[in-house]
């Protein structure tokens, strides 16, 4: 959607310039947000199981490392989060730590599995308006039977 801006150059002569600017609002948002805001918004959507909204914040070459999976692209990670959503009943954030481009979330991941609720820590690094890497830490032993086929 074009945005119109006009600037009056000489009020006595009524000379003005009209600019019509096409703005990519998503890119505009990315350049005006701090990198920690990107990570915070990503996690907010992810924790509400709004996976499509959270995916907008991921770099296509996302590096993900966790105790069960490891990915080097956003596509595989997004696919896995959709599967994870089938067992997650809630994400309860306990603490958030921000240090420049890095944000660390400590949360409880509630599931409908025998594992129940699992304490987790997640370190997110953002650059250039995108989440570049995610590292998740949790005790994977309660999930071992579910992932024995891997």
N, C-alpha and C. Protein backbone atom coordinates (compact mmCIF):
# COMPACT_ATOMS: atom_id res chain seq x y z
N UNK A 1 0.85 -1.17 0.00
CA UNK A 1 0.00 0.00 0.00
C UNK A 1 0.90 1.24 0.00
N UNK A 2 0.75 2.15 -0.97
CA UNK A 2 1.61 3.33 -1.02
C UNK A 2 1.27 4.30 0.10
N UNK A 3 2.28 4.97 0.58
CA UNK A 3 2.13 6.02 1.58
C UNK A 3 2.48 7.33 0.90
N UNK A 4 1.70 8.38 1.14
CA UNK A 4 1.96 9.66 0.51
C UNK A 4 2.53 10.63 1.55
N UNK A 5 3.57 11.33 1.12
CA UNK A 5 4.18 12.36 1.94
C UNK A 5 4.32 13.60 1.09
N UNK A 6 3.97 14.75 1.62
CA UNK A 6 4.25 15.98 0.88
C UNK A 6 4.97 16.94 1.81
N UNK A 7 5.87 17.67 1.23
CA UNK A 7 6.66 18.65 1.98
C UNK A 7 6.46 20.00 1.31
N UNK A 8 6.09 20.98 2.09
CA UNK A 8 5.90 22.33 1.57
C UNK A 8 7.27 23.02 1.58
N UNK A 9 7.81 23.30 0.39
CA UNK A 9 9.15 23.86 0.29
C UNK A 9 9.16 25.37 0.48
N UNK A 10 8.20 26.06 -0.06
CA UNK A 10 8.18 27.52 0.02
C UNK A 10 6.74 27.96 0.26
N UNK A 11 6.39 28.24 1.52
CA UNK A 11 5.01 28.58 1.84
C UNK A 11 4.50 29.81 1.09
N UNK A 12 5.38 30.78 0.76
CA UNK A 12 4.92 31.99 0.09
C UNK A 12 4.54 31.73 -1.37
N UNK A 13 5.13 30.71 -1.96
CA UNK A 13 4.83 30.39 -3.35
C UNK A 13 4.00 29.11 -3.50
N UNK A 14 3.73 28.49 -2.40
CA UNK A 14 2.95 27.25 -2.39
C UNK A 14 3.57 26.18 -3.28
N UNK A 15 4.88 26.08 -3.19
CA UNK A 15 5.61 25.05 -3.93
C UNK A 15 5.78 23.86 -2.98
N UNK A 16 5.40 22.74 -3.46
CA UNK A 16 5.55 21.54 -2.64
C UNK A 16 5.95 20.37 -3.52
N UNK A 17 6.45 19.38 -2.86
CA UNK A 17 6.82 18.14 -3.54
C UNK A 17 5.96 17.04 -2.94
N UNK A 18 5.38 16.22 -3.78
CA UNK A 18 4.59 15.09 -3.32
C UNK A 18 5.40 13.83 -3.60
N UNK A 19 5.66 13.08 -2.55
CA UNK A 19 6.35 11.81 -2.69
C UNK A 19 5.35 10.70 -2.44
N UNK A 20 5.37 9.72 -3.29
CA UNK A 20 4.60 8.50 -3.04
C UNK A 20 5.64 7.41 -2.82
N UNK A 21 5.62 6.86 -1.65
CA UNK A 21 6.63 5.89 -1.25
C UNK A 21 5.95 4.55 -1.00
N UNK A 22 6.51 3.51 -1.57
CA UNK A 22 6.03 2.17 -1.31
C UNK A 22 6.90 1.57 -0.22
N UNK A 23 6.28 1.28 0.91
CA UNK A 23 7.02 0.75 2.04
C UNK A 23 6.67 -0.71 2.25
N UNK A 24 7.67 -1.51 2.45
CA UNK A 24 7.46 -2.88 2.86
C UNK A 24 7.38 -2.83 4.38
N UNK A 25 6.15 -2.89 4.90
CA UNK A 25 5.96 -2.67 6.33
C UNK A 25 6.68 -3.70 7.18
N UNK A 26 6.80 -4.96 6.69
CA UNK A 26 7.51 -5.97 7.45
C UNK A 26 8.98 -5.60 7.58
N UNK A 27 9.60 -5.13 6.50
CA UNK A 27 11.01 -4.73 6.57
C UNK A 27 11.17 -3.49 7.43
N UNK A 28 10.20 -2.58 7.37
CA UNK A 28 10.26 -1.39 8.19
C UNK A 28 10.23 -1.77 9.67
N UNK A 29 9.36 -2.69 10.04
CA UNK A 29 9.29 -3.15 11.42
C UNK A 29 10.62 -3.77 11.83
N UNK A 30 11.21 -4.58 10.94
CA UNK A 30 12.45 -5.24 11.27
C UNK A 30 13.58 -4.25 11.51
N UNK A 31 13.58 -3.14 10.83
CA UNK A 31 14.68 -2.20 11.00
C UNK A 31 14.47 -1.27 12.19
N UNK A 32 13.24 -1.17 12.68
CA UNK A 32 12.99 -0.26 13.80
C UNK A 32 12.95 -1.00 15.13
N UNK A 33 12.86 -2.30 15.13
CA UNK A 33 12.84 -3.07 16.36
C UNK A 33 14.26 -3.40 16.79
N UNK A 34 14.48 -3.47 18.09
CA UNK A 34 15.77 -3.95 18.55
C UNK A 34 15.82 -5.46 18.34
N UNK A 35 17.02 -6.00 18.31
CA UNK A 35 17.16 -7.43 18.09
C UNK A 35 16.52 -8.23 19.22
N UNK A 36 16.61 -7.72 20.45
CA UNK A 36 15.97 -8.44 21.56
C UNK A 36 14.46 -8.42 21.40
N UNK A 37 13.89 -7.34 20.83
CA UNK A 37 12.44 -7.30 20.57
C UNK A 37 12.04 -8.41 19.61
N UNK A 38 12.87 -8.67 18.62
CA UNK A 38 12.59 -9.74 17.65
C UNK A 38 12.50 -11.07 18.38
N UNK A 39 13.48 -11.36 19.23
CA UNK A 39 13.48 -12.61 19.98
C UNK A 39 12.28 -12.68 20.93
N UNK A 40 11.97 -11.57 21.59
CA UNK A 40 10.83 -11.55 22.51
C UNK A 40 9.51 -11.80 21.78
N UNK A 41 9.34 -11.18 20.63
CA UNK A 41 8.10 -11.37 19.87
C UNK A 41 8.00 -12.79 19.32
N UNK A 42 9.13 -13.31 18.84
CA UNK A 42 9.14 -14.69 18.36
C UNK A 42 8.66 -15.62 19.49
N UNK A 43 9.29 -15.50 20.65
CA UNK A 43 8.97 -16.41 21.75
C UNK A 43 7.54 -16.22 22.23
N UNK A 44 7.06 -14.99 22.22
CA UNK A 44 5.68 -14.73 22.63
C UNK A 44 4.71 -15.50 21.73
N UNK A 45 4.91 -15.41 20.42
CA UNK A 45 4.04 -16.15 19.50
C UNK A 45 4.21 -17.66 19.66
N UNK A 46 5.47 -18.10 19.75
CA UNK A 46 5.74 -19.53 19.88
C UNK A 46 5.08 -20.09 21.13
N UNK A 47 5.21 -19.39 22.25
CA UNK A 47 4.67 -19.89 23.51
C UNK A 47 3.14 -19.93 23.53
N UNK A 48 2.51 -19.17 22.65
CA UNK A 48 1.04 -19.20 22.51
C UNK A 48 0.61 -20.18 21.42
N UNK A 49 1.55 -20.94 20.90
CA UNK A 49 1.34 -21.90 19.82
C UNK A 49 0.84 -21.21 18.54
N UNK A 50 1.27 -19.99 18.34
CA UNK A 50 1.00 -19.25 17.11
C UNK A 50 2.21 -19.45 16.20
N UNK A 51 2.34 -20.66 15.68
CA UNK A 51 3.56 -21.05 14.98
C UNK A 51 3.77 -20.31 13.67
N UNK A 52 2.72 -20.03 12.94
CA UNK A 52 2.89 -19.28 11.69
C UNK A 52 3.38 -17.86 11.97
N UNK A 53 2.82 -17.24 13.00
CA UNK A 53 3.27 -15.89 13.38
C UNK A 53 4.70 -15.91 13.87
N UNK A 54 5.07 -16.92 14.63
CA UNK A 54 6.45 -16.98 15.13
C UNK A 54 7.44 -17.24 13.99
N UNK A 55 7.01 -17.98 12.98
CA UNK A 55 7.90 -18.31 11.86
C UNK A 55 8.35 -17.08 11.09
N UNK A 56 7.57 -16.01 11.11
CA UNK A 56 7.95 -14.78 10.40
C UNK A 56 9.25 -14.19 10.93
N UNK A 57 9.60 -14.51 12.15
CA UNK A 57 10.79 -13.94 12.78
C UNK A 57 12.05 -14.79 12.56
N UNK A 58 11.90 -15.95 11.94
CA UNK A 58 13.03 -16.86 11.80
C UNK A 58 13.83 -16.60 10.52
N UNK A 59 15.14 -16.61 10.65
CA UNK A 59 16.01 -16.56 9.49
C UNK A 59 15.91 -17.90 8.76
N UNK A 60 15.93 -17.88 7.44
CA UNK A 60 15.78 -19.13 6.69
C UNK A 60 16.91 -20.12 6.98
N UNK A 61 18.07 -19.63 7.41
CA UNK A 61 19.20 -20.49 7.75
C UNK A 61 19.34 -20.64 9.26
N UNK A 62 18.22 -20.66 9.95
CA UNK A 62 18.19 -20.80 11.40
C UNK A 62 19.05 -21.99 11.85
N UNK A 63 19.82 -21.77 12.90
CA UNK A 63 20.56 -22.85 13.54
C UNK A 63 19.83 -23.21 14.82
N UNK A 64 19.34 -24.44 14.90
CA UNK A 64 18.63 -24.90 16.10
C UNK A 64 19.36 -26.10 16.67
N UNK A 65 19.58 -26.06 18.00
CA UNK A 65 20.19 -27.18 18.69
C UNK A 65 19.41 -27.45 19.97
N UNK A 66 19.02 -28.69 20.14
CA UNK A 66 18.33 -29.12 21.36
C UNK A 66 18.78 -30.53 21.70
N UNK A 67 18.31 -31.06 22.82
CA UNK A 67 18.74 -32.40 23.23
C UNK A 67 18.20 -33.53 22.34
N UNK A 68 17.18 -33.26 21.54
CA UNK A 68 16.59 -34.29 20.70
C UNK A 68 16.86 -34.05 19.22
N UNK A 69 16.81 -32.79 18.78
CA UNK A 69 16.95 -32.46 17.36
C UNK A 69 18.00 -31.38 17.14
N UNK A 70 18.46 -31.34 15.88
CA UNK A 70 19.38 -30.28 15.45
C UNK A 70 19.03 -29.95 14.00
N UNK A 71 18.87 -28.65 13.68
CA UNK A 71 18.50 -28.21 12.34
C UNK A 71 19.39 -27.06 11.90
N UNK A 72 19.54 -26.90 10.58
CA UNK A 72 20.28 -25.76 10.05
C UNK A 72 19.42 -24.95 9.08
N UNK A 73 18.09 -25.07 9.26
CA UNK A 73 17.18 -24.28 8.44
C UNK A 73 15.85 -24.12 9.16
N UNK A 74 15.15 -23.06 8.84
CA UNK A 74 13.89 -22.77 9.50
C UNK A 74 12.79 -23.75 9.11
N UNK A 75 12.79 -24.21 7.87
CA UNK A 75 11.72 -25.09 7.38
C UNK A 75 11.58 -26.34 8.25
N UNK A 76 12.69 -27.03 8.50
CA UNK A 76 12.64 -28.25 9.32
C UNK A 76 12.24 -27.94 10.76
N UNK A 77 12.74 -26.82 11.27
CA UNK A 77 12.39 -26.42 12.63
C UNK A 77 10.89 -26.14 12.75
N UNK A 78 10.33 -25.42 11.80
CA UNK A 78 8.90 -25.09 11.82
C UNK A 78 8.06 -26.36 11.77
N UNK A 79 8.46 -27.29 10.92
CA UNK A 79 7.75 -28.57 10.82
C UNK A 79 7.73 -29.28 12.16
N UNK A 80 8.86 -29.27 12.85
CA UNK A 80 8.95 -29.92 14.16
C UNK A 80 8.12 -29.21 15.21
N UNK A 81 8.07 -27.88 15.17
CA UNK A 81 7.26 -27.16 16.16
C UNK A 81 5.78 -27.48 15.99
N UNK A 82 5.34 -27.69 14.77
CA UNK A 82 3.95 -28.08 14.55
C UNK A 82 3.67 -29.45 15.18
N UNK A 83 4.60 -30.38 15.05
CA UNK A 83 4.43 -31.70 15.68
C UNK A 83 4.48 -31.57 17.20
N UNK A 84 5.39 -30.75 17.71
CA UNK A 84 5.50 -30.53 19.15
C UNK A 84 4.19 -29.97 19.70
N UNK A 85 3.55 -29.11 18.91
CA UNK A 85 2.29 -28.49 19.34
C UNK A 85 1.21 -29.50 19.67
N UNK A 86 1.32 -30.71 19.14
CA UNK A 86 0.33 -31.75 19.43
C UNK A 86 0.42 -32.27 20.85
N UNK A 87 1.57 -32.11 21.50
CA UNK A 87 1.72 -32.60 22.88
C UNK A 87 1.82 -31.48 23.91
N UNK A 88 2.00 -30.23 23.45
CA UNK A 88 2.15 -29.10 24.38
C UNK A 88 0.78 -28.59 24.82
N UNK A 89 0.62 -28.46 26.12
CA UNK A 89 -0.63 -27.89 26.65
C UNK A 89 -0.42 -26.49 27.20
N UNK A 90 0.82 -26.07 27.34
CA UNK A 90 1.09 -24.72 27.80
C UNK A 90 2.57 -24.44 27.97
N UNK A 91 2.91 -23.17 27.90
CA UNK A 91 4.27 -22.71 28.14
C UNK A 91 4.15 -21.61 29.20
N UNK A 92 4.80 -21.85 30.34
CA UNK A 92 4.70 -20.91 31.46
C UNK A 92 6.06 -20.29 31.70
N UNK A 93 6.21 -19.04 31.25
CA UNK A 93 7.49 -18.35 31.35
C UNK A 93 7.78 -18.00 32.81
N UNK A 94 8.98 -18.33 33.24
CA UNK A 94 9.39 -18.03 34.62
C UNK A 94 10.32 -16.82 34.68
N UNK A 95 11.28 -16.75 33.77
CA UNK A 95 12.25 -15.64 33.76
C UNK A 95 12.68 -15.36 32.33
N UNK A 96 13.03 -14.10 32.09
CA UNK A 96 13.58 -13.69 30.80
C UNK A 96 14.81 -12.84 31.07
N UNK A 97 15.90 -13.16 30.41
CA UNK A 97 17.14 -12.41 30.54
C UNK A 97 17.54 -11.88 29.17
N UNK A 98 17.85 -10.58 29.11
CA UNK A 98 18.23 -9.95 27.84
C UNK A 98 19.65 -9.43 27.96
N UNK A 99 20.47 -9.75 26.93
CA UNK A 99 21.84 -9.26 26.87
C UNK A 99 22.15 -8.96 25.41
N UNK A 100 21.94 -7.72 24.99
CA UNK A 100 22.19 -7.33 23.60
C UNK A 100 21.28 -8.07 22.65
N UNK A 101 21.88 -8.83 21.73
CA UNK A 101 21.12 -9.58 20.73
C UNK A 101 20.66 -10.95 21.23
N UNK A 102 20.99 -11.27 22.48
CA UNK A 102 20.65 -12.58 23.04
C UNK A 102 19.56 -12.44 24.10
N UNK A 103 18.61 -13.37 24.04
CA UNK A 103 17.55 -13.43 25.04
C UNK A 103 17.46 -14.87 25.53
N UNK A 104 17.44 -15.04 26.84
CA UNK A 104 17.32 -16.36 27.44
C UNK A 104 15.98 -16.44 28.17
N UNK A 105 15.21 -17.46 27.86
CA UNK A 105 13.93 -17.69 28.51
C UNK A 105 14.05 -18.95 29.36
N UNK A 106 13.56 -18.86 30.58
CA UNK A 106 13.44 -20.03 31.44
C UNK A 106 11.94 -20.25 31.59
N UNK A 107 11.49 -21.45 31.26
CA UNK A 107 10.04 -21.71 31.25
C UNK A 107 9.74 -23.16 31.58
N UNK A 108 8.49 -23.41 31.91
CA UNK A 108 7.99 -24.76 32.10
C UNK A 108 7.16 -25.12 30.88
N UNK A 109 7.49 -26.24 30.27
CA UNK A 109 6.77 -26.74 29.11
C UNK A 109 5.81 -27.83 29.59
N UNK A 110 4.53 -27.52 29.59
CA UNK A 110 3.51 -28.47 30.02
C UNK A 110 3.09 -29.33 28.84
N UNK A 111 3.08 -30.64 29.03
CA UNK A 111 2.72 -31.56 27.95
C UNK A 111 1.61 -32.51 28.40
N UNK A 112 0.99 -33.15 27.42
CA UNK A 112 -0.03 -34.16 27.71
C UNK A 112 0.56 -35.57 27.65
N UNK A 113 1.85 -35.67 27.92
CA UNK A 113 2.57 -36.94 27.88
C UNK A 113 2.91 -37.37 29.30
N UNK A 114 3.39 -38.60 29.48
CA UNK A 114 3.85 -39.02 30.81
C UNK A 114 4.97 -38.14 31.36
N UNK A 115 5.66 -37.40 30.50
CA UNK A 115 6.72 -36.49 30.97
C UNK A 115 6.14 -35.34 31.79
N UNK A 116 4.88 -35.02 31.57
CA UNK A 116 4.23 -33.94 32.31
C UNK A 116 4.81 -32.58 31.97
N UNK A 117 5.16 -31.83 33.00
CA UNK A 117 5.73 -30.49 32.81
C UNK A 117 7.24 -30.56 32.97
N UNK A 118 7.94 -29.99 31.98
CA UNK A 118 9.40 -30.09 31.93
C UNK A 118 10.01 -28.69 31.98
N UNK A 119 10.93 -28.45 32.94
CA UNK A 119 11.61 -27.15 32.95
C UNK A 119 12.58 -27.04 31.77
N UNK A 120 12.58 -25.87 31.13
CA UNK A 120 13.42 -25.64 29.95
C UNK A 120 14.11 -24.29 30.04
N UNK A 121 15.20 -24.17 29.32
CA UNK A 121 15.87 -22.89 29.09
C UNK A 121 16.10 -22.79 27.60
N UNK A 122 15.91 -21.60 27.06
CA UNK A 122 16.05 -21.40 25.62
C UNK A 122 16.82 -20.12 25.38
N UNK A 123 17.91 -20.23 24.63
CA UNK A 123 18.74 -19.08 24.31
C UNK A 123 18.53 -18.74 22.84
N UNK A 124 18.08 -17.52 22.60
CA UNK A 124 17.77 -17.06 21.24
C UNK A 124 18.70 -15.92 20.88
N UNK A 125 19.30 -16.01 19.70
CA UNK A 125 20.17 -14.94 19.19
C UNK A 125 19.53 -14.37 17.93
N UNK A 126 19.40 -13.04 17.87
CA UNK A 126 18.80 -12.38 16.72
C UNK A 126 19.80 -11.40 16.10
N UNK A 127 19.73 -11.29 14.77
CA UNK A 127 20.54 -10.32 14.01
C UNK A 127 19.73 -9.88 12.81
N UNK A 128 19.88 -8.63 12.44
CA UNK A 128 19.25 -8.09 11.23
C UNK A 128 17.75 -8.38 11.17
N UNK A 129 17.08 -8.29 12.31
CA UNK A 129 15.64 -8.44 12.35
C UNK A 129 15.13 -9.86 12.28
N UNK A 130 16.01 -10.85 12.44
CA UNK A 130 15.60 -12.25 12.36
C UNK A 130 16.26 -13.06 13.48
N UNK A 131 15.58 -14.11 13.91
CA UNK A 131 16.16 -15.07 14.85
C UNK A 131 17.13 -15.93 14.07
N UNK A 132 18.40 -15.88 14.45
CA UNK A 132 19.45 -16.62 13.74
C UNK A 132 19.74 -17.98 14.37
N UNK A 133 19.63 -18.04 15.71
CA UNK A 133 19.91 -19.32 16.36
C UNK A 133 19.06 -19.48 17.61
N UNK A 134 18.75 -20.75 17.89
CA UNK A 134 18.00 -21.14 19.08
C UNK A 134 18.70 -22.35 19.67
N UNK A 135 18.98 -22.28 20.97
CA UNK A 135 19.49 -23.42 21.70
C UNK A 135 18.51 -23.69 22.84
N UNK A 136 18.05 -24.94 22.94
CA UNK A 136 17.10 -25.31 23.98
C UNK A 136 17.76 -26.35 24.88
N UNK A 137 17.57 -26.18 26.18
CA UNK A 137 18.15 -27.07 27.18
C UNK A 137 17.04 -27.63 28.06
N UNK A 138 16.94 -28.94 28.13
CA UNK A 138 16.02 -29.61 29.04
C UNK A 138 16.44 -31.06 29.19
N UNK A 139 15.92 -31.72 30.21
CA UNK A 139 16.21 -33.13 30.43
C UNK A 139 15.33 -33.93 29.49
N UNK A 140 15.93 -34.55 28.50
CA UNK A 140 15.17 -35.28 27.48
C UNK A 140 14.82 -36.71 27.89
N UNK A 141 15.33 -37.17 29.02
CA UNK A 141 15.08 -38.56 29.42
C UNK A 141 13.59 -38.91 29.51
N UNK A 142 12.73 -38.03 30.04
CA UNK A 142 11.31 -38.40 30.08
C UNK A 142 10.67 -38.61 28.70
N UNK A 143 11.31 -38.07 27.65
CA UNK A 143 10.78 -38.20 26.28
C UNK A 143 11.42 -39.35 25.50
N UNK A 144 12.35 -40.07 26.11
CA UNK A 144 13.13 -41.09 25.40
C UNK A 144 12.25 -42.12 24.71
N UNK A 145 11.22 -42.60 25.37
CA UNK A 145 10.35 -43.62 24.78
C UNK A 145 9.63 -43.08 23.54
N UNK A 146 9.25 -41.80 23.56
CA UNK A 146 8.54 -41.20 22.44
C UNK A 146 9.43 -41.09 21.20
N UNK A 147 10.73 -40.93 21.42
CA UNK A 147 11.65 -40.68 20.31
C UNK A 147 12.58 -41.87 20.06
N UNK A 148 12.22 -43.05 20.56
CA UNK A 148 13.06 -44.22 20.41
C UNK A 148 13.24 -44.61 18.95
N UNK A 149 12.31 -44.24 18.09
CA UNK A 149 12.38 -44.58 16.67
C UNK A 149 13.42 -43.77 15.91
N UNK A 150 13.95 -42.73 16.49
CA UNK A 150 14.94 -41.87 15.80
C UNK A 150 16.26 -42.56 15.66
